[in-house]
C-alpha atoms as a PDB file:
ATOM      1  CA  MET A   1       0.000   0.000   0.000  1.00  0.00           C
ATOM      2  CA  PRO A   2       1.490   3.405  -0.912  1.00  0.00           C
ATOM      3  CA  ARG A   3       2.589   5.486   2.021  1.00  0.00           C
ATOM      4  CA  ASP A   4       0.384   8.437   2.823  1.00  0.00           C
ATOM      5  CA  ALA A   5       2.060  11.764   2.134  1.00  0.00           C
ATOM      6  CA  SER A   6       1.270  12.952   5.650  1.00  0.00           C
ATOM      7  CA  ASP A   7       3.622  10.309   7.047  1.00  0.00           C
ATOM      8  CA  LYS A   8       6.709  11.757   5.369  1.00  0.00           C
ATOM      9  CA  PRO A   9       9.188  13.881   7.352  1.00  0.00           C
ATOM     10  CA  ARG A  10       8.223  17.501   6.716  1.00  0.00           C
ATOM     11  CA  VAL A  11      10.471  20.216   5.442  1.00  0.00           C
ATOM     12  CA  ALA A  12      11.333  22.572   8.278  1.00  0.00           C
ATOM     13  CA  ARG A  13       8.859  25.464   8.458  1.00  0.00           C
ATOM     14  CA  SER A  14       8.899  28.754  10.279  1.00  0.00           C
ATOM     15  CA  GLU A  15       6.849  29.157  13.447  1.00  0.00           C
ATOM     16  CA  GLY A  16       4.321  31.336  11.676  1.00  0.00           C
ATOM     17  CA  ASP A  17       3.360  28.485   9.330  1.00  0.00           C
ATOM     18  CA  ARG A  18       2.028  26.260  12.129  1.00  0.00           C
ATOM     19  CA  SER A  19      -1.471  27.654  12.363  1.00  0.00           C
ATOM     20  CA  ASP A  20      -2.972  24.210  12.971  1.00  0.00           C
ATOM     21  CA  ARG A  21      -1.392  23.788  16.409  1.00  0.00           C
ATOM     22  CA  PRO A  22      -3.414  24.001  19.633  1.00  0.00           C
ATOM     23  CA  ARG A  23      -3.661  27.447  21.237  1.00  0.00           C
ATOM     24  CA  THR A  24      -2.198  26.069  24.428  1.00  0.00           C
ATOM     25  CA  GLU A  25       1.125  25.377  22.742  1.00  0.00           C
ATOM     26  CA  ARG A  26       4.088  27.343  24.061  1.00  0.00           C
ATOM     27  CA  ALA A  27       5.495  29.928  21.704  1.00  0.00           C
ATOM     28  CA  ARG A  28       8.996  29.023  20.606  1.00  0.00           C
ATOM     29  CA  PRO A  29      10.477  31.931  18.676  1.00  0.00           C
ATOM     30  CA  ASP A  30      14.010  30.671  19.262  1.00  0.00           C
ATOM     31  CA  ARG A  31      13.288  27.638  17.119  1.00  0.00           C
ATOM     32  CA  ALA A  32      11.936  29.489  14.116  1.00  0.00           C
ATOM     33  CA  ARG A  33      13.421  27.960  10.995  1.00  0.00           C
ATOM     34  CA  PRO A  34      14.680  30.194   8.199  1.00  0.00           C
ATOM     35  CA  ASP A  35      13.075  29.939   4.784  1.00  0.00           C
ATOM     36  CA  ARG A  36      15.273  28.254   2.207  1.00  0.00           C
ATOM     37  CA  ALA A  37      15.021  27.042  -1.331  1.00  0.00           C
ATOM     38  CA  ARG A  38      14.394  23.329  -1.628  1.00  0.00           C
ATOM     39  CA  GLY A  39      17.645  21.398  -1.953  1.00  0.00           C
ATOM     40  CA  ASP A  40      19.913  24.438  -2.434  1.00  0.00           C
ATOM     41  CA  ALA A  41      20.629  25.877   1.005  1.00  0.00           C
ATOM     42  CA  PRO A  42      22.377  23.997   3.834  1.00  0.00           C
ATOM     43  CA  ARG A  43      20.229  22.229   6.418  1.00  0.00           C
ATOM     44  CA  PHE A  44      21.634  24.477   9.104  1.00  0.00           C
ATOM     45  CA  ALA A  45      20.127  27.224  11.256  1.00  0.00           C
ATOM     46  CA  ALA A  46      22.538  29.193  13.430  1.00  0.00           C
ATOM     47  CA  LYS A  47      21.545  29.241  17.086  1.00  0.00           C
ATOM     48  CA  SER A  48      23.031  30.725  20.227  1.00  0.00           C
ATOM     49  CA  TYR A  49      23.636  28.269  23.054  1.00  0.00           C
ATOM     50  CA  PRO A  50      23.936  29.138  26.742  1.00  0.00           C
ATOM     51  CA  PRO A  51      27.073  31.159  27.617  1.00  0.00           C
ATOM     52  CA  ARG A  52      30.111  29.312  28.758  1.00  0.00           C
ATOM     53  CA  LYS A  53      30.671  28.992  32.448  1.00  0.00           C
ATOM     54  CA  PRO A  54      33.584  31.089  33.781  1.00  0.00           C
ATOM     55  CA  ARG A  55      36.685  29.087  34.415  1.00  0.00           C
ATOM     56  CA  GLY A  56      40.140  29.770  35.739  1.00  0.00           C
ATOM     57  CA  ILE A  57      42.787  30.755  33.233  1.00  0.00           C
ATOM     58  CA  GLY A  58      45.322  28.076  32.479  1.00  0.00           C
ATOM     59  CA  PRO A  59      45.968  24.729  34.194  1.00  0.00           C
ATOM     60  CA  THR A  60      46.039  24.507  37.959  1.00  0.00           C
ATOM     61  CA  PRO A  61      49.665  24.286  39.094  1.00  0.00           C
ATOM     62  CA  THR A  62      50.681  21.169  40.978  1.00  0.00           C
ATOM     63  CA  SER A  63      53.658  20.509  43.192  1.00  0.00           C
ATOM     64  CA  ASN A  64      54.321  17.172  41.493  1.00  0.00           C
ATOM     65  CA  PRO A  65      53.122  17.349  37.867  1.00  0.00           C
ATOM     66  CA  HIS A  66      52.857  14.316  35.597  1.00  0.00           C
ATOM     67  CA  PRO A  67      56.243  13.714  33.821  1.00  0.00           C
ATOM     68  CA  ALA A  68      54.613  14.289  30.422  1.00  0.00           C
ATOM     69  CA  ARG A  69      53.257  17.653  31.579  1.00  0.00           C
ATOM     70  CA  ALA A  70      56.611  18.668  33.030  1.00  0.00           C
ATOM     71  CA  ALA A  71      58.396  17.716  29.785  1.00  0.00           C
ATOM     72  CA  ALA A  72      55.854  19.592  27.687  1.00  0.00           C
ATOM     73  CA  ALA A  73      56.264  22.702  29.833  1.00  0.00           C
ATOM     74  CA  SER A  74      60.065  22.575  29.614  1.00  0.00           C
ATOM     75  CA  ASP A  75      60.251  22.320  25.805  1.00  0.00           C
ATOM     76  CA  GLY A  76      57.330  24.646  25.009  1.00  0.00           C
ATOM     77  CA  LYS A  77      54.992  21.985  23.581  1.00  0.00           C
ATOM     78  CA  GLY A  78      51.229  22.060  23.974  1.00  0.00           C
ATOM     79  CA  GLU A  79      49.306  20.601  26.889  1.00  0.00           C
ATOM     80  CA  PRO A  80      49.489  16.759  26.778  1.00  0.00           C
ATOM     81  CA  GLN A  81      46.280  14.787  26.449  1.00  0.00           C
ATOM     82  CA  ARG A  82      45.241  11.178  26.944  1.00  0.00           C
ATOM     83  CA  ILE A  83      46.137   8.985  24.018  1.00  0.00           C
ATOM     84  CA  ALA A  84      42.574   7.683  23.780  1.00  0.00           C
ATOM     85  CA  LYS A  85      41.348  11.253  23.294  1.00  0.00           C
ATOM     86  CA  LEU A  86      43.987  12.038  20.665  1.00  0.00           C
ATOM     87  CA  LEU A  87      43.224   8.872  18.691  1.00  0.00           C
ATOM     88  CA  ALA A  88      39.492   9.545  18.865  1.00  0.00           C
ATOM     89  CA  ARG A  89      40.011  13.059  17.513  1.00  0.00           C
ATOM     90  CA  ALA A  90      42.123  11.591  14.724  1.00  0.00           C
ATOM     91  CA  GLY A  91      39.094   9.529  13.722  1.00  0.00           C
ATOM     92  CA  VAL A  92      40.602   6.129  14.542  1.00  0.00           C
ATOM     93  CA  ALA A  93      37.597   5.037  16.624  1.00  0.00           C
ATOM     94  CA  SER A  94      35.498   6.116  19.581  1.00  0.00           C
ATOM     95  CA  ARG A  95      37.215   6.460  22.944  1.00  0.00           C
ATOM     96  CA  ARG A  96      35.600   3.275  24.218  1.00  0.00           C
ATOM     97  CA  GLU A  97      36.759   1.319  21.168  1.00  0.00           C
ATOM     98  CA  ILE A  98      40.276   2.740  21.495  1.00  0.00           C
ATOM     99  CA  GLU A  99      40.400   1.697  25.150  1.00  0.00           C
ATOM    100  CA  ARG A 100      39.575  -1.849  24.017  1.00  0.00           C
ATOM    101  CA  MET A 101      42.343  -1.676  21.395  1.00  0.00           C
ATOM    102  CA  ILE A 102      44.825  -0.628  24.079  1.00  0.00           C
ATOM    103  CA  GLU A 103      43.726  -3.494  26.349  1.00  0.00           C
ATOM    104  CA  GLU A 104      44.310  -5.859  23.417  1.00  0.00           C
ATOM    105  CA  GLY A 105      47.856  -4.505  22.921  1.00  0.00           C
ATOM    106  CA  ARG A 106      47.150  -3.071  19.476  1.00  0.00           C
ATOM    107  CA  VAL A 107      48.460   0.458  20.160  1.00  0.00           C
ATOM    108  CA  SER A 108      52.173   1.300  20.363  1.00  0.00           C
ATOM    109  CA  LYS A 109      54.440   4.339  20.705  1.00  0.00           C
ATOM    110  CA  ASP A 110      57.889   4.143  19.128  1.00  0.00           C
ATOM    111  CA  GLY A 111      57.566   0.354  19.038  1.00  0.00           C
ATOM    112  CA  VAL A 112      56.584  -0.004  22.694  1.00  0.00           C
ATOM    113  CA  VAL A 113      53.082  -1.321  23.420  1.00  0.00           C
ATOM    114  CA  ILE A 114      50.940   1.139  25.370  1.00  0.00           C
ATOM    115  CA  ASP A 115      49.125  -0.558  28.242  1.00  0.00           C
ATOM    116  CA  THR A 116      46.866   2.204  29.547  1.00  0.00           C
ATOM    117  CA  PRO A 117      44.469   4.685  27.863  1.00  0.00           C
ATOM    118  CA  ALA A 118      45.570   7.240  30.479  1.00  0.00           C
ATOM    119  CA  THR A 119      48.955   7.642  28.747  1.00  0.00           C
ATOM    120  CA  LEU A 120      49.591  11.362  28.157  1.00  0.00           C
ATOM    121  CA  LEU A 121      51.015  12.597  24.847  1.00  0.00           C
ATOM    122  CA  THR A 122      51.372  15.952  23.130  1.00  0.00           C
ATOM    123  CA  SER A 123      51.014  14.459  19.632  1.00  0.00           C
ATOM    124  CA  LEU A 124      50.508  11.161  17.812  1.00  0.00           C
ATOM    125  CA  HIS A 125      54.050  11.182  16.425  1.00  0.00           C
ATOM    126  CA  GLY A 126      55.384   7.616  16.565  1.00  0.00           C
ATOM    127  CA  VAL A 127      51.999   6.121  17.504  1.00  0.00           C
ATOM    128  CA  THR A 128      50.776   3.069  15.592  1.00  0.00           C
ATOM    129  CA  VAL A 129      47.546   1.076  15.685  1.00  0.00           C
ATOM    130  CA  ASP A 130      47.842  -2.490  14.435  1.00  0.00           C
ATOM    131  CA  GLU A 131      51.389  -1.490  13.313  1.00  0.00           C
ATOM    132  CA  VAL A 132      50.003   1.243  11.053  1.00  0.00           C
ATOM    133  CA  ALA A 133      51.288   4.764  11.709  1.00  0.00           C
ATOM    134  CA  ILE A 134      48.650   7.334  12.615  1.00  0.00           C
ATOM    135  CA  ALA A 135      48.783  10.402  10.415  1.00  0.00           C
ATOM    136  CA  ALA A 136      48.079  13.894  11.694  1.00  0.00           C
ATOM    137  CA  PRO A 137      44.307  14.346  11.980  1.00  0.00           C
ATOM    138  CA  ALA A 138      42.588  15.943   9.016  1.00  0.00           C
ATOM    139  CA  PRO A 139      40.094  18.770   9.621  1.00  0.00           C
ATOM    140  CA  MET A 140      36.928  17.526  11.261  1.00  0.00           C
ATOM    141  CA  ARG A 141      34.010  16.764   8.962  1.00  0.00           C
ATOM    142  CA  LEU A 142      30.307  16.375   9.716  1.00  0.00           C
ATOM    143  CA  PHE A 143      27.649  14.660   7.606  1.00  0.00           C
ATOM    144  CA  LEU A 144      23.863  14.452   7.769  1.00  0.00           C
ATOM    145  CA  PHE A 145      22.460  10.982   7.085  1.00  0.00           C
ATOM    146  CA  HIS A 146      18.769  10.174   6.665  1.00  0.00           C
ATOM    147  CA  LYS A 147      18.705   6.835   8.459  1.00  0.00           C
ATOM    148  CA  PRO A 148      16.020   4.440   7.225  1.00  0.00           C
ATOM    149  CA  ALA A 149      14.039   2.276   9.635  1.00  0.00           C
ATOM    150  CA  GLY A 150      15.265  -1.303   9.950  1.00  0.00           C
ATOM    151  CA  PHE A 151      19.004  -0.567  10.349  1.00  0.00           C
ATOM    152  CA  LEU A 152      21.117  -0.712  13.504  1.00  0.00           C
ATOM    153  CA  THR A 153      23.286   2.254  14.505  1.00  0.00           C
ATOM    154  CA  THR A 154      26.420   0.177  14.923  1.00  0.00           C
ATOM    155  CA  GLU A 155      29.375  -0.940  12.825  1.00  0.00           C
ATOM    156  CA  HIS A 156      28.980  -4.690  13.335  1.00  0.00           C
ATOM    157  CA  ASP A 157      26.120  -6.855  14.576  1.00  0.00           C
ATOM    158  CA  PRO A 158      26.866 -10.387  15.865  1.00  0.00           C
ATOM    159  CA  ALA A 159      23.401 -11.491  14.713  1.00  0.00           C
ATOM    160  CA  GLY A 160      24.077 -10.316  11.175  1.00  0.00           C
ATOM    161  CA  ARG A 161      21.309  -7.721  11.105  1.00  0.00           C
ATOM    162  CA  PRO A 162      21.699  -4.795   8.670  1.00  0.00           C
ATOM    163  CA  THR A 163      23.539  -1.719   9.966  1.00  0.00           C
ATOM    164  CA  ILE A 164      23.794   1.885   8.842  1.00  0.00           C
ATOM    165  CA  TYR A 165      27.200   1.084   7.334  1.00  0.00           C
ATOM    166  CA  ASP A 166      25.461  -1.194   4.850  1.00  0.00           C
ATOM    167  CA  ARG A 167      23.666   1.909   3.518  1.00  0.00           C
ATOM    168  CA  LEU A 168      26.432   4.517   3.678  1.00  0.00           C
ATOM    169  CA  PRO A 169      28.336   5.195   0.418  1.00  0.00           C
ATOM    170  CA  ALA A 170      31.682   3.399   0.202  1.00  0.00           C
ATOM    171  CA  ASP A 171      33.629   6.545  -0.749  1.00  0.00           C
ATOM    172  CA  LEU A 172      33.028   8.337   2.575  1.00  0.00           C
ATOM    173  CA  PRO A 173      35.784   8.670   5.210  1.00  0.00           C
ATOM    174  CA  ARG A 174      35.527   6.621   8.375  1.00  0.00           C
ATOM    175  CA  LEU A 175      32.496   8.047  10.181  1.00  0.00           C
ATOM    176  CA  MET A 176      31.177   7.676  13.711  1.00  0.00           C
ATOM    177  CA  PRO A 177      27.518   8.267  14.611  1.00  0.00           C
ATOM    178  CA  ILE A 178      26.708  11.043  17.067  1.00  0.00           C
ATOM    179  CA  GLY A 179      24.208   9.384  19.366  1.00  0.00           C
ATOM    180  CA  ARG A 180      22.134   6.411  18.331  1.00  0.00           C
ATOM    181  CA  LEU A 181      18.788   5.783  16.750  1.00  0.00           C
ATOM    182  CA  ASP A 182      16.952   2.557  17.525  1.00  0.00           C
ATOM    183  CA  MET A 183      16.680   0.020  14.734  1.00  0.00           C
ATOM    184  CA  ASN A 184      13.101   1.052  13.984  1.00  0.00           C
ATOM    185  CA  THR A 185      13.687   4.792  14.442  1.00  0.00           C
ATOM    186  CA  GLU A 186      14.385   6.818  11.318  1.00  0.00           C
ATOM    187  CA  GLY A 187      15.463  10.321  10.477  1.00  0.00           C
ATOM    188  CA  LEU A 188      18.480  12.539  11.042  1.00  0.00           C
ATOM    189  CA  LEU A 189      21.694  10.896  12.176  1.00  0.00           C
ATOM    190  CA  LEU A 190      24.818  13.050  12.424  1.00  0.00           C
ATOM    191  CA  MET A 191      28.064  11.323  11.415  1.00  0.00           C
ATOM    192  CA  THR A 192      31.519  12.735  12.141  1.00  0.00           C
ATOM    193  CA  THR A 193      35.200  11.955  11.609  1.00  0.00           C
ATOM    194  CA  ASP A 194      36.117  13.355  15.058  1.00  0.00           C
ATOM    195  CA  GLY A 195      35.652  11.220  18.162  1.00  0.00           C
ATOM    196  CA  GLY A 196      36.107  14.184  20.515  1.00  0.00           C
ATOM    197  CA  PHE A 197      33.321  16.139  18.810  1.00  0.00           C
ATOM    198  CA  LYS A 198      31.109  13.041  18.925  1.00  0.00           C
ATOM    199  CA  ARG A 199      31.503  12.805  22.691  1.00  0.00           C
ATOM    200  CA  GLU A 200      30.939  16.545  23.197  1.00  0.00           C
ATOM    201  CA  MET A 201      27.691  16.419  21.245  1.00  0.00           C
ATOM    202  CA  GLU A 202      26.383  13.402  23.170  1.00  0.00           C
ATOM    203  CA  LEU A 203      26.965  14.778  26.674  1.00  0.00           C
ATOM    204  CA  PRO A 204      23.734  15.959  28.360  1.00  0.00           C
ATOM    205  CA  ALA A 205      25.719  18.846  29.870  1.00  0.00           C
ATOM    206  CA  THR A 206      26.300  20.270  26.405  1.00  0.00           C
ATOM    207  CA  GLY A 207      22.564  20.920  26.122  1.00  0.00           C
ATOM    208  CA  VAL A 208      22.198  20.291  22.380  1.00  0.00           C
ATOM    209  CA  PRO A 209      18.472  19.838  21.608  1.00  0.00           C
ATOM    210  CA  ARG A 210      17.147  16.895  19.583  1.00  0.00           C
ATOM    211  CA  THR A 211      13.693  17.054  18.021  1.00  0.00           C
ATOM    212  CA  TYR A 212      11.527  14.054  17.127  1.00  0.00           C
ATOM    213  CA  ARG A 213       8.135  13.515  15.527  1.00  0.00           C
ATOM    214  CA  ALA A 214       6.309  10.516  16.927  1.00  0.00           C
ATOM    215  CA  ARG A 215       3.163   8.855  15.617  1.00  0.00           C
ATOM    216  CA  ALA A 216       1.538   7.139  18.570  1.00  0.00           C
ATOM    217  CA  PHE A 217      -1.678   5.186  19.085  1.00  0.00           C
ATOM    218  CA  GLY A 218      -3.865   6.175  22.013  1.00  0.00           C
ATOM    219  CA  GLU A 219      -5.285   9.266  23.664  1.00  0.00           C
ATOM    220  CA  VAL A 220      -3.331  12.165  25.113  1.00  0.00           C
ATOM    221  CA  SER A 221      -4.077  15.826  25.813  1.00  0.00           C
ATOM    222  CA  GLN A 222      -1.945  18.874  25.155  1.00  0.00           C
ATOM    223  CA  GLN A 223      -1.928  19.543  28.898  1.00  0.00           C
ATOM    224  CA  GLN A 224      -0.374  16.115  29.572  1.00  0.00           C
ATOM    225  CA  LEU A 225       2.323  16.927  27.049  1.00  0.00           C
ATOM    226  CA  GLU A 226       2.842  20.378  28.573  1.00  0.00           C
ATOM    227  CA  ASP A 227       3.470  18.716  31.950  1.00  0.00           C
ATOM    228  CA  LEU A 228       6.515  16.918  30.510  1.00  0.00           C
ATOM    229  CA  PHE A 229       8.322  20.259  30.622  1.00  0.00           C
ATOM    230  CA  ASP A 230       8.666  19.744  34.396  1.00  0.00           C
ATOM    231  CA  GLY A 231      10.437  16.405  33.874  1.00  0.00           C
ATOM    232  CA  LEU A 232       9.360  13.043  35.275  1.00  0.00           C
ATOM    233  CA  GLU A 233      10.634   9.801  36.753  1.00  0.00           C
ATOM    234  CA  ILE A 234       9.925   6.386  35.214  1.00  0.00           C
ATOM    235  CA  ASP A 235      11.086   3.154  36.890  1.00  0.00           C
ATOM    236  CA  GLY A 236      13.687   5.038  38.910  1.00  0.00           C
ATOM    237  CA  ILE A 237      15.095   6.923  35.913  1.00  0.00           C
ATOM    238  CA  ARG A 238      14.777  10.706  35.972  1.00  0.00           C
ATOM    239  CA  TYR A 239      14.051  12.429  32.664  1.00  0.00           C
ATOM    240  CA  GLY A 240      14.643  16.152  32.323  1.00  0.00           C
ATOM    241  CA  ALA A 241      12.485  18.814  30.706  1.00  0.00           C
ATOM    242  CA  ILE A 242      10.814  17.783  27.449  1.00  0.00           C
ATOM    243  CA  GLU A 243       9.072  20.259  25.189  1.00  0.00           C
ATOM    244  CA  ALA A 244       6.143  18.394  23.606  1.00  0.00           C
ATOM    245  CA  ASN A 245       3.301  19.505  21.373  1.00  0.00           C
ATOM    246  CA  LEU A 246       0.338  17.714  19.882  1.00  0.00           C
ATOM    247  CA  GLU A 247       0.473  18.409  16.148  1.00  0.00           C
ATOM    248  CA  ARG A 248      -2.622  16.624  14.871  1.00  0.00           C
ATOM    249  CA  ARG A 249      -4.817  13.551  15.247  1.00  0.00           C
ATOM    250  CA  THR A 250      -5.594  10.938  12.616  1.00  0.00           C
ATOM    251  CA  GLY A 251      -8.204   8.628  14.104  1.00  0.00           C
ATOM    252  CA  ARG A 252      -6.627   7.366  17.337  1.00  0.00           C
ATOM    253  CA  ASN A 253      -3.124   8.088  16.081  1.00  0.00           C
ATOM    254  CA  GLN A 254      -1.488  11.253  17.366  1.00  0.00           C
ATOM    255  CA  TRP A 255       1.449  13.091  15.746  1.00  0.00           C
ATOM    256  CA  ILE A 256       3.539  14.571  18.559  1.00  0.00           C
ATOM    257  CA  GLU A 257       6.658  16.730  18.287  1.00  0.00           C
ATOM    258  CA  MET A 258       9.128  16.406  21.165  1.00  0.00           C
ATOM    259  CA  THR A 259      12.348  18.298  21.869  1.00  0.00           C
ATOM    260  CA  LEU A 260      14.784  17.122  24.540  1.00  0.00           C
ATOM    261  CA  THR A 261      18.429  17.642  25.464  1.00  0.00           C
ATOM    262  CA  GLU A 262      19.441  14.523  27.408  1.00  0.00           C
ATOM    263  CA  GLY A 263      18.848  11.755  24.880  1.00  0.00           C
ATOM    264  CA  LYS A 264      18.669   8.881  27.358  1.00  0.00           C
ATOM    265  CA  ASN A 265      18.235   5.369  25.934  1.00  0.00           C
ATOM    266  CA  ARG A 266      14.798   5.057  24.243  1.00  0.00           C
ATOM    267  CA  GLU A 267      13.700   8.238  26.029  1.00  0.00           C
ATOM    268  CA  VAL A 268      10.935   9.292  23.624  1.00  0.00           C
ATOM    269  CA  ARG A 269       9.390   5.830  23.464  1.00  0.00           C
ATOM    270  CA  ARG A 270       9.498   5.307  27.234  1.00  0.00           C
ATOM    271  CA  VAL A 271       7.994   8.687  28.032  1.00  0.00           C
ATOM    272  CA  LEU A 272       5.125   8.197  25.577  1.00  0.00           C
ATOM    273  CA  GLU A 273       4.540   4.637  26.781  1.00  0.00           C
ATOM    274  CA  HIS A 274       4.295   6.104  30.296  1.00  0.00           C
ATOM    275  CA  LEU A 275       1.392   8.179  28.933  1.00  0.00           C
ATOM    276  CA  ASP A 276      -0.269   4.953  27.677  1.00  0.00           C
ATOM    277  CA  LEU A 277       0.660   5.657  24.066  1.00  0.00           C
ATOM    278  CA  LYS A 278       2.078   3.079  21.669  1.00  0.00           C
ATOM    279  CA  VAL A 279       4.665   4.547  19.298  1.00  0.00           C
ATOM    280  CA  ASN A 280       4.345   3.115  15.795  1.00  0.00           C
ATOM    281  CA  ARG A 281       6.642   5.537  14.004  1.00  0.00           C
ATOM    282  CA  LEU A 282       9.487   7.747  15.254  1.00  0.00           C
ATOM    283  CA  ILE A 283      11.471  10.252  13.194  1.00  0.00           C
ATOM    284  CA  ARG A 284      14.313  12.487  14.380  1.00  0.00           C
ATOM    285  CA  THR A 285      13.935  15.752  12.498  1.00  0.00           C
ATOM    286  CA  SER A 286      16.761  17.845  13.950  1.00  0.00           C
ATOM    287  CA  TYR A 287      19.870  17.717  16.115  1.00  0.00           C
ATOM    288  CA  GLY A 288      21.042  21.131  17.288  1.00  0.00           C
ATOM    289  CA  PRO A 289      20.831  23.538  14.328  1.00  0.00           C
ATOM    290  CA  PHE A 290      20.963  20.728  11.751  1.00  0.00           C
ATOM    291  CA  TYR A 291      17.653  19.736  10.140  1.00  0.00           C
ATOM    292  CA  LEU A 292      16.483  16.699   8.183  1.00  0.00           C
ATOM    293  CA  GLY A 293      14.329  18.794   5.877  1.00  0.00           C
ATOM    294  CA  ASP A 294      13.767  17.077   2.541  1.00  0.00           C
ATOM    295  CA  LEU A 295      16.948  14.970   2.571  1.00  0.00           C
ATOM    296  CA  PRO A 296      15.920  11.691   0.870  1.00  0.00           C
ATOM    297  CA  VAL A 297      15.885   8.443   2.848  1.00  0.00           C
ATOM    298  CA  GLY A 298      19.364   6.867   2.781  1.00  0.00           C
ATOM    299  CA  ALA A 299      21.006  10.039   1.437  1.00  0.00           C
ATOM    300  CA  VAL A 300      24.098  11.731   2.914  1.00  0.00           C
ATOM    301  CA  GLU A 301      24.970  15.437   2.846  1.00  0.00           C
ATOM    302  CA  GLU A 302      28.111  17.094   4.208  1.00  0.00           C
ATOM    303  CA  VAL A 303      27.849  20.185   6.413  1.00  0.00           C
ATOM    304  CA  ARG A 304      29.789  23.156   5.108  1.00  0.00           C
ATOM    305  CA  GLN A 305      32.926  23.928   7.131  1.00  0.00           C
ATOM    306  CA  ASN A 306      31.794  27.497   7.787  1.00  0.00           C
ATOM    307  CA  ASP A 307      28.488  26.295   9.267  1.00  0.00           C
ATOM    308  CA  LEU A 308      30.308  23.687  11.322  1.00  0.00           C
ATOM    309  CA  GLU A 309      32.703  26.253  12.785  1.00  0.00           C
ATOM    310  CA  LEU A 310      29.830  28.605  13.645  1.00  0.00           C
ATOM    311  CA  PHE A 311      28.103  25.795  15.499  1.00  0.00           C
ATOM    312  CA  ARG A 312      31.187  24.700  17.400  1.00  0.00           C
ATOM    313  CA  LYS A 313      31.739  28.244  18.656  1.00  0.00           C
ATOM    314  CA  SER A 314      28.202  28.240  20.058  1.00  0.00           C
ATOM    315  CA  LEU A 315      28.660  25.115  22.160  1.00  0.00           C
ATOM    316  CA  LYS A 316      29.226  25.310  25.879  1.00  0.00           C
ATOM    317  CA  ASP A 317      32.630  24.332  27.156  1.00  0.00           C
ATOM    318  CA  VAL A 318      32.196  20.899  28.741  1.00  0.00           C
ATOM    319  CA  LYS A 319      35.794  20.002  29.396  1.00  0.00           C
END
């Protein structure tokens, strides 16, 4: 049966276009989406994030600094960092995967196997992974991917189920997903070459909003959705503020838009199930200032470097 046009992810619209929403909906002028020509402009809307918290200037002096820090200070090199962090930023793998590689003895420095991810280095000079030298990291890149339903957000699946890497073009660089989407969840998935940026984006403290559209079976009122803004606890797990709005009803199916910043495991589904709703379709439509728009299912689009730099400057410092 052909899919009804109303089920497709919508192109981002400005706040003034949503005249069909309930009057009780909160006004959200900060999320107004700029008009753009279909397919020509980037799927990016600049947004200001909360100001950075004041911090002390420079590292805190210690009476007995780590040898790597003392050596770096004496020869004028930059501040040393954990090798797992450096390798993640070089796009080798995520920090967790790199820690496993180190445990397996696959990472070396000048021919000597590194046995702890806490090893401090000022650069990756002389570092090898599986006896392959690590080149200086290329500039970070970010891609938008319209994930289809039915694919796992993982590189390998022991059960042999299809993954997002089965759909990604072969000519792309090695990419890591920023956050996960369940197998049956579709929509915007950000992919990056930089493990450090991936981690920064996923931290709840960074406060990057994610927006979803859920089609759910059951009955719910706008007031019940408004109450989610105060947060709630389900089975001992505390969920923070969620901005939710009832878009429209189709029979006993409700289309609900939800914006959250924590991104806990299966958060949208669990919250709606707590309201006695059964989610039968879930689409992520935006992550931070990046929008799904009319990007075709399975398609990939790279974010322009200028837009990426503007966004990074807006992020809170979560070091």
